[in-house]
Amino acid sequence: MIISTTESIPDKKITTILGVARGSTVRARNIGRDFFAGLKNIVGGEIEEYTKLQAYAREQAIQRMMEDAQKMGADAIVNVRLTTAMVMQGAAEILAYGTAVKLS
């Protein structure tokens, strides 16, 4: 499956637009990560626990978007975007979406 943030794929022709493919996940912080994040907040620097949590959530949302596109019979997903929204205090949704297409 080809994934691109651009609206086309070099040397490929989009023959059919299948629709919007999407995948999301909602992640919450946990007390262990919050404790270490609080310590980092005092001394400064990257909060690695949250960086890892966000990276995992992004990958999971992209994987789910790819699965959605595969169900549509897509060869590629173009114009891929990621967005984040707070669902409640301490929990956020990561949404990956793009246009599922057939290529020739």
PDB file of N, CA and C in Angstrom:
ATOM      1  N   MET A   1       0.854  -1.179   0.000  1.00  0.00           N
ATOM      2  CA  MET A   1       0.000   0.000   0.000  1.00  0.00           C
ATOM      3  C   MET A   1       0.895   1.236   0.000  1.00  0.00           C
ATOM      4  N   ILE A   2       0.717   2.097  -0.981  1.00  0.00           N
ATOM      5  CA  ILE A   2       1.468   3.349  -1.063  1.00  0.00           C
ATOM      6  C   ILE A   2       0.706   4.406  -0.275  1.00  0.00           C
ATOM      7  N   ILE A   3       1.419   5.115   0.572  1.00  0.00           N
ATOM      8  CA  ILE A   3       0.822   6.203   1.358  1.00  0.00           C
ATOM      9  C   ILE A   3       1.594   7.470   1.047  1.00  0.00           C
ATOM     10  N   SER A   4       0.849   8.547   0.731  1.00  0.00           N
ATOM     11  CA  SER A   4       1.513   9.796   0.348  1.00  0.00           C
ATOM     12  C   SER A   4       0.754  10.997   0.908  1.00  0.00           C
ATOM     13  N   THR A   5       1.507  12.001   1.296  1.00  0.00           N
ATOM     14  CA  THR A   5       0.881  13.254   1.724  1.00  0.00           C
ATOM     15  C   THR A   5       0.597  14.162   0.533  1.00  0.00           C
ATOM     16  N   THR A   6       1.080  13.767  -0.650  1.00  0.00           N
ATOM     17  CA  THR A   6       0.826  14.546  -1.859  1.00  0.00           C
ATOM     18  C   THR A   6      -0.449  14.044  -2.531  1.00  0.00           C
ATOM     19  N   GLU A   7      -0.918  14.786  -3.540  1.00  0.00           N
ATOM     20  CA  GLU A   7      -2.171  14.397  -4.198  1.00  0.00           C
ATOM     21  C   GLU A   7      -1.967  13.449  -5.371  1.00  0.00           C
ATOM     22  N   SER A   8      -0.734  13.079  -5.654  1.00  0.00           N
ATOM     23  CA  SER A   8      -0.458  12.133  -6.729  1.00  0.00           C
ATOM     24  C   SER A   8       0.754  11.288  -6.353  1.00  0.00           C
ATOM     25  N   ILE A   9       0.936  10.217  -7.141  1.00  0.00           N
ATOM     26  CA  ILE A   9       2.082   9.332  -6.954  1.00  0.00           C
ATOM     27  C   ILE A   9       2.925   9.424  -8.228  1.00  0.00           C
ATOM     28  N   PRO A  10       4.207   9.757  -8.139  1.00  0.00           N
ATOM     29  CA  PRO A  10       5.051   9.851  -9.333  1.00  0.00           C
ATOM     30  C   PRO A  10       5.020   8.560 -10.150  1.00  0.00           C
ATOM     31  N   ASP A  11       4.918   8.708 -11.448  1.00  0.00           N
ATOM     32  CA  ASP A  11       4.910   7.592 -12.398  1.00  0.00           C
ATOM     33  C   ASP A  11       3.699   6.675 -12.267  1.00  0.00           C
ATOM     34  N   LYS A  12       2.665   7.105 -11.575  1.00  0.00           N
ATOM     35  CA  LYS A  12       1.430   6.329 -11.437  1.00  0.00           C
ATOM     36  C   LYS A  12       0.253   7.224 -11.811  1.00  0.00           C
ATOM     37  N   LYS A  13      -0.787   6.606 -12.328  1.00  0.00           N
ATOM     38  CA  LYS A  13      -1.996   7.345 -12.672  1.00  0.00           C
ATOM     39  C   LYS A  13      -3.127   6.878 -11.768  1.00  0.00           C
ATOM     40  N   ILE A  14      -3.807   7.841 -11.173  1.00  0.00           N
ATOM     41  CA  ILE A  14      -4.980   7.509 -10.360  1.00  0.00           C
ATOM     42  C   ILE A  14      -6.132   7.251 -11.319  1.00  0.00           C
ATOM     43  N   THR A  15      -6.670   6.041 -11.266  1.00  0.00           N
ATOM     44  CA  THR A  15      -7.764   5.681 -12.168  1.00  0.00           C
ATOM     45  C   THR A  15      -9.126   5.786 -11.507  1.00  0.00           C
ATOM     46  N   THR A  16      -9.165   5.569 -10.190  1.00  0.00           N
ATOM     47  CA  THR A  16     -10.442   5.609  -9.470  1.00  0.00           C
ATOM     48  C   THR A  16     -10.227   6.168  -8.072  1.00  0.00           C
ATOM     49  N   ILE A  17     -11.116   7.064  -7.685  1.00  0.00           N
ATOM     50  CA  ILE A  17     -11.138   7.552  -6.301  1.00  0.00           C
ATOM     51  C   ILE A  17     -12.199   6.743  -5.574  1.00  0.00           C
ATOM     52  N   LEU A  18     -11.783   6.060  -4.522  1.00  0.00           N
ATOM     53  CA  LEU A  18     -12.680   5.151  -3.805  1.00  0.00           C
ATOM     54  C   LEU A  18     -13.375   5.793  -2.610  1.00  0.00           C
ATOM     55  N   GLY A  19     -12.820   6.875  -2.096  1.00  0.00           N
ATOM     56  CA  GLY A  19     -13.414   7.551  -0.949  1.00  0.00           C
ATOM     57  C   GLY A  19     -12.389   7.836   0.126  1.00  0.00           C
ATOM     58  N   VAL A  20     -12.873   8.303   1.237  1.00  0.00           N
ATOM     59  CA  VAL A  20     -12.000   8.667   2.356  1.00  0.00           C
ATOM     60  C   VAL A  20     -11.713   7.420   3.193  1.00  0.00           C
ATOM     61  N   ALA A  21     -10.433   7.154   3.392  1.00  0.00           N
ATOM     62  CA  ALA A  21      -9.996   6.086   4.293  1.00  0.00           C
ATOM     63  C   ALA A  21      -9.612   6.755   5.607  1.00  0.00           C
ATOM     64  N   ARG A  22     -10.017   6.147   6.696  1.00  0.00           N
ATOM     65  CA  ARG A  22      -9.712   6.754   7.991  1.00  0.00           C
ATOM     66  C   ARG A  22      -9.377   5.692   9.025  1.00  0.00           C
ATOM     67  N   GLY A  23      -8.604   6.098   9.988  1.00  0.00           N
ATOM     68  CA  GLY A  23      -8.261   5.241  11.118  1.00  0.00           C
ATOM     69  C   GLY A  23      -7.981   6.120  12.314  1.00  0.00           C
ATOM     70  N   SER A  24      -8.424   5.672  13.473  1.00  0.00           N
ATOM     71  CA  SER A  24      -8.200   6.487  14.665  1.00  0.00           C
ATOM     72  C   SER A  24      -7.939   5.612  15.875  1.00  0.00           C
ATOM     73  N   THR A  25      -7.417   6.235  16.890  1.00  0.00           N
ATOM     74  CA  THR A  25      -7.234   5.605  18.185  1.00  0.00           C
ATOM     75  C   THR A  25      -7.360   6.692  19.248  1.00  0.00           C
ATOM     76  N   VAL A  26      -7.835   6.320  20.407  1.00  0.00           N
ATOM     77  CA  VAL A  26      -7.922   7.245  21.544  1.00  0.00           C
ATOM     78  C   VAL A  26      -6.984   6.715  22.612  1.00  0.00           C
ATOM     79  N   ARG A  27      -6.116   7.563  23.055  1.00  0.00           N
ATOM     80  CA  ARG A  27      -5.120   7.184  24.058  1.00  0.00           C
ATOM     81  C   ARG A  27      -5.253   8.059  25.288  1.00  0.00           C
ATOM     82  N   ALA A  28      -5.065   7.419  26.442  1.00  0.00           N
ATOM     83  CA  ALA A  28      -5.105   8.140  27.719  1.00  0.00           C
ATOM     84  C   ALA A  28      -3.741   8.034  28.389  1.00  0.00           C
ATOM     85  N   ARG A  29      -3.431   9.043  29.149  1.00  0.00           N
ATOM     86  CA  ARG A  29      -2.206   8.997  29.939  1.00  0.00           C
ATOM     87  C   ARG A  29      -2.418   8.005  31.077  1.00  0.00           C
ATOM     88  N   ASN A  30      -1.317   7.576  31.695  1.00  0.00           N
ATOM     89  CA  ASN A  30      -1.463   6.737  32.890  1.00  0.00           C
ATOM     90  C   ASN A  30      -0.638   7.324  34.021  1.00  0.00           C
ATOM     91  N   ILE A  31      -0.928   6.878  35.212  1.00  0.00           N
ATOM     92  CA  ILE A  31      -0.316   7.487  36.403  1.00  0.00           C
ATOM     93  C   ILE A  31       1.205   7.341  36.405  1.00  0.00           C
ATOM     94  N   GLY A  32       1.722   6.207  35.896  1.00  0.00           N
ATOM     95  CA  GLY A  32       3.176   6.029  35.843  1.00  0.00           C
ATOM     96  C   GLY A  32       3.832   7.047  34.935  1.00  0.00           C
ATOM     97  N   ARG A  33       3.266   7.222  33.753  1.00  0.00           N
ATOM     98  CA  ARG A  33       3.820   8.211  32.824  1.00  0.00           C
ATOM     99  C   ARG A  33       3.659   9.625  33.380  1.00  0.00           C
ATOM    100  N   ASP A  34       2.519   9.882  34.007  1.00  0.00           N
ATOM    101  CA  ASP A  34       2.289  11.217  34.572  1.00  0.00           C
ATOM    102  C   ASP A  34       3.310  11.552  35.656  1.00  0.00           C
ATOM    103  N   PHE A  35       3.675  10.564  36.463  1.00  0.00           N
ATOM    104  CA  PHE A  35       4.650  10.790  37.528  1.00  0.00           C
ATOM    105  C   PHE A  35       5.993  11.206  36.933  1.00  0.00           C
ATOM    106  N   PHE A  36       6.476  10.420  35.947  1.00  0.00           N
ATOM    107  CA  PHE A  36       7.760  10.742  35.325  1.00  0.00           C
ATOM    108  C   PHE A  36       7.675  12.037  34.513  1.00  0.00           C
ATOM    109  N   ALA A  37       6.554  12.295  33.915  1.00  0.00           N
ATOM    110  CA  ALA A  37       6.377  13.546  33.161  1.00  0.00           C
ATOM    111  C   ALA A  37       6.431  14.729  34.114  1.00  0.00           C
ATOM    112  N   GLY A  38       5.846  14.581  35.288  1.00  0.00           N
ATOM    113  CA  GLY A  38       5.893  15.645  36.284  1.00  0.00           C
ATOM    114  C   GLY A  38       7.312  15.955  36.711  1.00  0.00           C
ATOM    115  N   LEU A  39       8.120  14.916  36.862  1.00  0.00           N
ATOM    116  CA  LEU A  39       9.530  15.123  37.220  1.00  0.00           C
ATOM    117  C   LEU A  39      10.262  15.858  36.094  1.00  0.00           C
ATOM    118  N   LYS A  40      10.009  15.462  34.856  1.00  0.00           N
ATOM    119  CA  LYS A  40      10.635  16.131  33.710  1.00  0.00           C
ATOM    120  C   LYS A  40      10.203  17.589  33.630  1.00  0.00           C
ATOM    121  N   ASN A  41       8.963  17.845  33.992  1.00  0.00           N
ATOM    122  CA  ASN A  41       8.444  19.209  33.945  1.00  0.00           C
ATOM    123  C   ASN A  41       9.217  20.102  34.909  1.00  0.00           C
ATOM    124  N   ILE A  42       9.687  19.546  35.992  1.00  0.00           N
ATOM    125  CA  ILE A  42      10.451  20.323  36.981  1.00  0.00           C
ATOM    126  C   ILE A  42      11.842  20.638  36.448  1.00  0.00           C
ATOM    127  N   VAL A  43      12.517  19.634  35.869  1.00  0.00           N
ATOM    128  CA  VAL A  43      13.901  19.829  35.430  1.00  0.00           C
ATOM    129  C   VAL A  43      14.015  20.247  33.972  1.00  0.00           C
ATOM    130  N   GLY A  44      12.933  20.088  33.206  1.00  0.00           N
ATOM    131  CA  GLY A  44      12.951  20.470  31.795  1.00  0.00           C
ATOM    132  C   GLY A  44      13.404  19.325  30.904  1.00  0.00           C
ATOM    133  N   GLY A  45      13.191  19.500  29.630  1.00  0.00           N
ATOM    134  CA  GLY A  45      13.599  18.491  28.658  1.00  0.00           C
ATOM    135  C   GLY A  45      12.415  17.768  28.053  1.00  0.00           C
ATOM    136  N   GLU A  46      12.724  16.878  27.129  1.00  0.00           N
ATOM    137  CA  GLU A  46      11.684  16.116  26.432  1.00  0.00           C
ATOM    138  C   GLU A  46      11.022  15.136  27.381  1.00  0.00           C
ATOM    139  N   ILE A  47       9.731  15.018  27.281  1.00  0.00           N
ATOM    140  CA  ILE A  47       8.980  14.042  28.069  1.00  0.00           C
ATOM    141  C   ILE A  47       8.849  12.794  27.196  1.00  0.00           C
ATOM    142  N   GLU A  48       9.841  11.928  27.293  1.00  0.00           N
ATOM    143  CA  GLU A  48       9.958  10.783  26.401  1.00  0.00           C
ATOM    144  C   GLU A  48       8.779   9.830  26.507  1.00  0.00           C
ATOM    145  N   GLU A  49       8.197   9.708  27.686  1.00  0.00           N
ATOM    146  CA  GLU A  49       7.059   8.804  27.857  1.00  0.00           C
ATOM    147  C   GLU A  49       5.900   9.229  26.960  1.00  0.00           C
ATOM    148  N   TYR A  50       5.641  10.536  26.884  1.00  0.00           N
ATOM    149  CA  TYR A  50       4.548  11.032  26.034  1.00  0.00           C
ATOM    150  C   TYR A  50       4.921  10.986  24.558  1.00  0.00           C
ATOM    151  N   THR A  51       6.192  11.214  24.256  1.00  0.00           N
ATOM    152  CA  THR A  51       6.651  11.119  22.868  1.00  0.00           C
ATOM    153  C   THR A  51       6.424   9.707  22.346  1.00  0.00           C
ATOM    154  N   LYS A  52       6.774   8.703  23.135  1.00  0.00           N
ATOM    155  CA  LYS A  52       6.570   7.307  22.740  1.00  0.00           C
ATOM    156  C   LYS A  52       5.081   6.980  22.619  1.00  0.00           C
ATOM    157  N   LEU A  53       4.280   7.476  23.541  1.00  0.00           N
ATOM    158  CA  LEU A  53       2.834   7.236  23.494  1.00  0.00           C
ATOM    159  C   LEU A  53       2.227   7.827  22.227  1.00  0.00           C
ATOM    160  N   GLN A  54       2.609   9.042  21.882  1.00  0.00           N
ATOM    161  CA  GLN A  54       2.090   9.691  20.673  1.00  0.00           C
ATOM    162  C   GLN A  54       2.560   8.975  19.411  1.00  0.00           C
ATOM    163  N   ALA A  55       3.823   8.560  19.374  1.00  0.00           N
ATOM    164  CA  ALA A  55       4.356   7.852  18.207  1.00  0.00           C
ATOM    165  C   ALA A  55       3.604   6.539  17.999  1.00  0.00           C
ATOM    166  N   TYR A  56       3.365   5.805  19.063  1.00  0.00           N
ATOM    167  CA  TYR A  56       2.623   4.544  18.957  1.00  0.00           C
ATOM    168  C   TYR A  56       1.197   4.806  18.476  1.00  0.00           C
ATOM    169  N   ALA A  57       0.559   5.842  19.006  1.00  0.00           N
ATOM    170  CA  ALA A  57      -0.816   6.164  18.609  1.00  0.00           C
ATOM    171  C   ALA A  57      -0.884   6.557  17.135  1.00  0.00           C
ATOM    172  N   ARG A  58       0.082   7.337  16.649  1.00  0.00           N
ATOM    173  CA  ARG A  58       0.111   7.707  15.230  1.00  0.00           C
ATOM    174  C   ARG A  58       0.239   6.476  14.345  1.00  0.00           C
ATOM    175  N   GLU A  59       1.147   5.584  14.694  1.00  0.00           N
ATOM    176  CA  GLU A  59       1.341   4.369  13.901  1.00  0.00           C
ATOM    177  C   GLU A  59       0.080   3.507  13.888  1.00  0.00           C
ATOM    178  N   GLN A  60      -0.590   3.410  15.021  1.00  0.00           N
ATOM    179  CA  GLN A  60      -1.817   2.620  15.085  1.00  0.00           C
ATOM    180  C   GLN A  60      -2.919   3.247  14.228  1.00  0.00           C
ATOM    181  N   ALA A  61      -3.054   4.562  14.268  1.00  0.00           N
ATOM    182  CA  ALA A  61      -4.065   5.243  13.450  1.00  0.00           C
ATOM    183  C   ALA A  61      -3.766   5.060  11.958  1.00  0.00           C
ATOM    184  N   ILE A  62      -2.496   5.147  11.562  1.00  0.00           N
ATOM    185  CA  ILE A  62      -2.117   4.942  10.163  1.00  0.00           C
ATOM    186  C   ILE A  62      -2.410   3.507   9.743  1.00  0.00           C
ATOM    187  N   GLN A  63      -2.089   2.551  10.598  1.00  0.00           N
ATOM    188  CA  GLN A  63      -2.360   1.143  10.285  1.00  0.00           C
ATOM    189  C   GLN A  63      -3.861   0.921  10.083  1.00  0.00           C
ATOM    190  N   ARG A  64      -4.680   1.508  10.924  1.00  0.00           N
ATOM    191  CA  ARG A  64      -6.132   1.360  10.798  1.00  0.00           C
ATOM    192  C   ARG A  64      -6.659   2.041   9.533  1.00  0.00           C
ATOM    193  N   MET A  65      -6.052   3.162   9.154  1.00  0.00           N
ATOM    194  CA  MET A  65      -6.427   3.823   7.908  1.00  0.00           C
ATOM    195  C   MET A  65      -6.099   2.919   6.722  1.00  0.00           C
ATOM    196  N   MET A  66      -4.925   2.281   6.753  1.00  0.00           N
ATOM    197  CA  MET A  66      -4.539   1.372   5.688  1.00  0.00           C
ATOM    198  C   MET A  66      -5.508   0.191   5.595  1.00  0.00           C
ATOM    199  N   GLU A  67      -5.916  -0.345   6.715  1.00  0.00           N
ATOM    200  CA  GLU A  67      -6.874  -1.446   6.726  1.00  0.00           C
ATOM    201  C   GLU A  67      -8.209  -1.010   6.126  1.00  0.00           C
ATOM    202  N   ASP A  68      -8.638   0.209   6.439  1.00  0.00           N
ATOM    203  CA  ASP A  68      -9.878   0.747   5.876  1.00  0.00           C
ATOM    204  C   ASP A  68      -9.761   0.860   4.358  1.00  0.00           C
ATOM    205  N   ALA A  69      -8.621   1.354   3.878  1.00  0.00           N
ATOM    206  CA  ALA A  69      -8.399   1.494   2.432  1.00  0.00           C
ATOM    207  C   ALA A  69      -8.343   0.130   1.751  1.00  0.00           C
ATOM    208  N   GLN A  70      -7.737  -0.857   2.391  1.00  0.00           N
ATOM    209  CA  GLN A  70      -7.670  -2.200   1.827  1.00  0.00           C
ATOM    210  C   GLN A  70      -9.068  -2.791   1.662  1.00  0.00           C
ATOM    211  N   LYS A  71      -9.952  -2.534   2.609  1.00  0.00           N
ATOM    212  CA  LYS A  71     -11.336  -3.014   2.510  1.00  0.00           C
ATOM    213  C   LYS A  71     -12.046  -2.412   1.301  1.00  0.00           C
ATOM    214  N   MET A  72     -11.619  -1.217   0.901  1.00  0.00           N
ATOM    215  CA  MET A  72     -12.199  -0.560  -0.272  1.00  0.00           C
ATOM    216  C   MET A  72     -11.554  -1.037  -1.574  1.00  0.00           C
ATOM    217  N   GLY A  73     -10.465  -1.793  -1.462  1.00  0.00           N
ATOM    218  CA  GLY A  73      -9.755  -2.258  -2.645  1.00  0.00           C
ATOM    219  C   GLY A  73      -8.730  -1.276  -3.172  1.00  0.00           C
ATOM    220  N   ALA A  74      -8.234  -0.399  -2.322  1.00  0.00           N
ATOM    221  CA  ALA A  74      -7.290   0.649  -2.740  1.00  0.00           C
ATOM    222  C   ALA A  74      -5.883   0.106  -2.970  1.00  0.00           C
ATOM    223  N   ASP A  75      -5.181   0.763  -3.888  1.00  0.00           N
ATOM    224  CA  ASP A  75      -3.764   0.512  -4.107  1.00  0.00           C
ATOM    225  C   ASP A  75      -2.905   1.517  -3.348  1.00  0.00           C
ATOM    226  N   ALA A  76      -3.501   2.680  -3.060  1.00  0.00           N
ATOM    227  CA  ALA A  76      -2.755   3.759  -2.421  1.00  0.00           C
ATOM    228  C   ALA A  76      -3.715   4.673  -1.661  1.00  0.00           C
ATOM    229  N   ILE A  77      -3.113   5.488  -0.793  1.00  0.00           N
ATOM    230  CA  ILE A  77      -3.854   6.545  -0.095  1.00  0.00           C
ATOM    231  C   ILE A  77      -3.077   7.830  -0.321  1.00  0.00           C
ATOM    232  N   VAL A  78      -3.739   8.821  -0.887  1.00  0.00           N
ATOM    233  CA  VAL A  78      -3.091  10.106  -1.158  1.00  0.00           C
ATOM    234  C   VAL A  78      -3.689  11.183  -0.252  1.00  0.00           C
ATOM    235  N   ASN A  79      -2.995  12.310  -0.187  1.00  0.00           N
ATOM    236  CA  ASN A  79      -3.414  13.434   0.658  1.00  0.00           C
ATOM    237  C   ASN A  79      -3.602  13.022   2.112  1.00  0.00           C
ATOM    238  N   VAL A  80      -2.701  12.206   2.623  1.00  0.00           N
ATOM    239  CA  VAL A  80      -2.812  11.712   3.995  1.00  0.00           C
ATOM    240  C   VAL A  80      -2.540  12.835   4.982  1.00  0.00           C
ATOM    241  N   ARG A  81      -3.378  12.906   5.994  1.00  0.00           N
ATOM    242  CA  ARG A  81      -3.255  13.908   7.054  1.00  0.00           C
ATOM    243  C   ARG A  81      -3.437  13.231   8.405  1.00  0.00           C
ATOM    244  N   LEU A  82      -2.862  13.832   9.426  1.00  0.00           N
ATOM    245  CA  LEU A  82      -3.044  13.396  10.811  1.00  0.00           C
ATOM    246  C   LEU A  82      -3.574  14.559  11.617  1.00  0.00           C
ATOM    247  N   THR A  83      -4.483  14.276  12.512  1.00  0.00           N
ATOM    248  CA  THR A  83      -5.001  15.324  13.385  1.00  0.00           C
ATOM    249  C   THR A  83      -5.186  14.748  14.785  1.00  0.00           C
ATOM    250  N   THR A  84      -5.152  15.628  15.754  1.00  0.00           N
ATOM    251  CA  THR A  84      -5.314  15.241  17.154  1.00  0.00           C
ATOM    252  C   THR A  84      -6.396  16.098  17.780  1.00  0.00           C
ATOM    253  N   ALA A  85      -7.209  15.477  18.622  1.00  0.00           N
ATOM    254  CA  ALA A  85      -8.256  16.215  19.334  1.00  0.00           C
ATOM    255  C   ALA A  85      -8.368  15.675  20.755  1.00  0.00           C
ATOM    256  N   MET A  86      -8.577  16.570  21.692  1.00  0.00           N
ATOM    257  CA  MET A  86      -8.823  16.157  23.074  1.00  0.00           C
ATOM    258  C   MET A  86     -10.226  15.573  23.164  1.00  0.00           C
ATOM    259  N   VAL A  87     -10.340  14.386  23.712  1.00  0.00           N
ATOM    260  CA  VAL A  87     -11.638  13.752  23.912  1.00  0.00           C
ATOM    261  C   VAL A  87     -12.154  14.106  25.303  1.00  0.00           C
ATOM    262  N   MET A  88     -11.266  14.051  26.259  1.00  0.00           N
ATOM    263  CA  MET A  88     -11.542  14.447  27.639  1.00  0.00           C
ATOM    264  C   MET A  88     -10.193  14.751  28.282  1.00  0.00           C
ATOM    265  N   GLN A  89     -10.203  15.277  29.487  1.00  0.00           N
ATOM    266  CA  GLN A  89      -8.932  15.593  30.128  1.00  0.00           C
ATOM    267  C   GLN A  89      -8.102  14.321  30.267  1.00  0.00           C
ATOM    268  N   GLY A  90      -6.908  14.351  29.719  1.00  0.00           N
ATOM    269  CA  GLY A  90      -6.011  13.212  29.814  1.00  0.00           C
ATOM    270  C   GLY A  90      -6.152  12.194  28.698  1.00  0.00           C
ATOM    271  N   ALA A  91      -7.077  12.419  27.752  1.00  0.00           N
ATOM    272  CA  ALA A  91      -7.256  11.462  26.645  1.00  0.00           C
ATOM    273  C   ALA A  91      -7.390  12.230  25.336  1.00  0.00           C
ATOM    274  N   ALA A  92      -6.714  11.731  24.314  1.00  0.00           N
ATOM    275  CA  ALA A  92      -6.734  12.391  23.004  1.00  0.00           C
ATOM    276  C   ALA A  92      -6.953  11.357  21.907  1.00  0.00           C
ATOM    277  N   GLU A  93      -7.616  11.809  20.839  1.00  0.00           N
ATOM    278  CA  GLU A  93      -7.808  10.979  19.662  1.00  0.00           C
ATOM    279  C   GLU A  93      -6.787  11.390  18.613  1.00  0.00           C
ATOM    280  N   ILE A  94      -6.176  10.402  17.991  1.00  0.00           N
ATOM    281  CA  ILE A  94      -5.324  10.621  16.828  1.00  0.00           C
ATOM    282  C   ILE A  94      -6.106  10.070  15.640  1.00  0.00           C
ATOM    283  N   LEU A  95      -6.300  10.891  14.620  1.00  0.00           N
ATOM    284  CA  LEU A  95      -7.036  10.490  13.425  1.00  0.00           C
ATOM    285  C   LEU A  95      -6.122  10.607  12.218  1.00  0.00           C
ATOM    286  N   ALA A  96      -6.023   9.532  11.460  1.00  0.00           N
ATOM    287  CA  ALA A  96      -5.301   9.539  10.177  1.00  0.00           C
ATOM    288  C   ALA A  96      -6.348   9.381   9.092  1.00  0.00           C
ATOM    289  N   TYR A  97      -6.253  10.214   8.046  1.00  0.00           N
ATOM    290  CA  TYR A  97      -7.232  10.113   6.963  1.00  0.00           C
ATOM    291  C   TYR A  97      -6.586  10.534   5.648  1.00  0.00           C
ATOM    292  N   GLY A  98      -7.154  10.018   4.567  1.00  0.00           N
ATOM    293  CA  GLY A  98      -6.666  10.338   3.231  1.00  0.00           C
ATOM    294  C   GLY A  98      -7.625   9.788   2.203  1.00  0.00           C
ATOM    295  N   THR A  99      -7.318  10.000   0.938  1.00  0.00           N
ATOM    296  CA  THR A  99      -8.169   9.557  -0.160  1.00  0.00           C
ATOM    297  C   THR A  99      -7.658   8.213  -0.673  1.00  0.00           C
ATOM    298  N   ALA A 100      -8.501   7.187  -0.575  1.00  0.00           N
ATOM    299  CA  ALA A 100      -8.173   5.859  -1.085  1.00  0.00           C
ATOM    300  C   ALA A 100      -8.364   5.851  -2.596  1.00  0.00           C
ATOM    301  N   VAL A 101      -7.361   5.351  -3.320  1.00  0.00           N
ATOM    302  CA  VAL A 101      -7.410   5.384  -4.788  1.00  0.00           C
ATOM    303  C   VAL A 101      -6.925   4.059  -5.380  1.00  0.00           C
ATOM    304  N   LYS A 102      -7.337   3.822  -6.632  1.00  0.00           N
ATOM    305  CA  LYS A 102      -6.811   2.737  -7.457  1.00  0.00           C
ATOM    306  C   LYS A 102      -5.807   3.362  -8.420  1.00  0.00           C
ATOM    307  N   LEU A 103      -4.721   2.652  -8.680  1.00  0.00           N
ATOM    308  CA  LEU A 103      -3.662   3.130  -9.562  1.00  0.00           C
ATOM    309  C   LEU A 103      -3.518   2.228 -10.785  1.00  0.00           C
ATOM    310  N   SER A 104      -2.948   2.801 -11.850  1.00  0.00           N
ATOM    311  CA  SER A 104      -2.581   1.976 -13.002  1.00  0.00           C
ATOM    312  C   SER A 104      -1.110   2.170 -13.289  1.00  0.00           C
TER     313      SER A 104
END
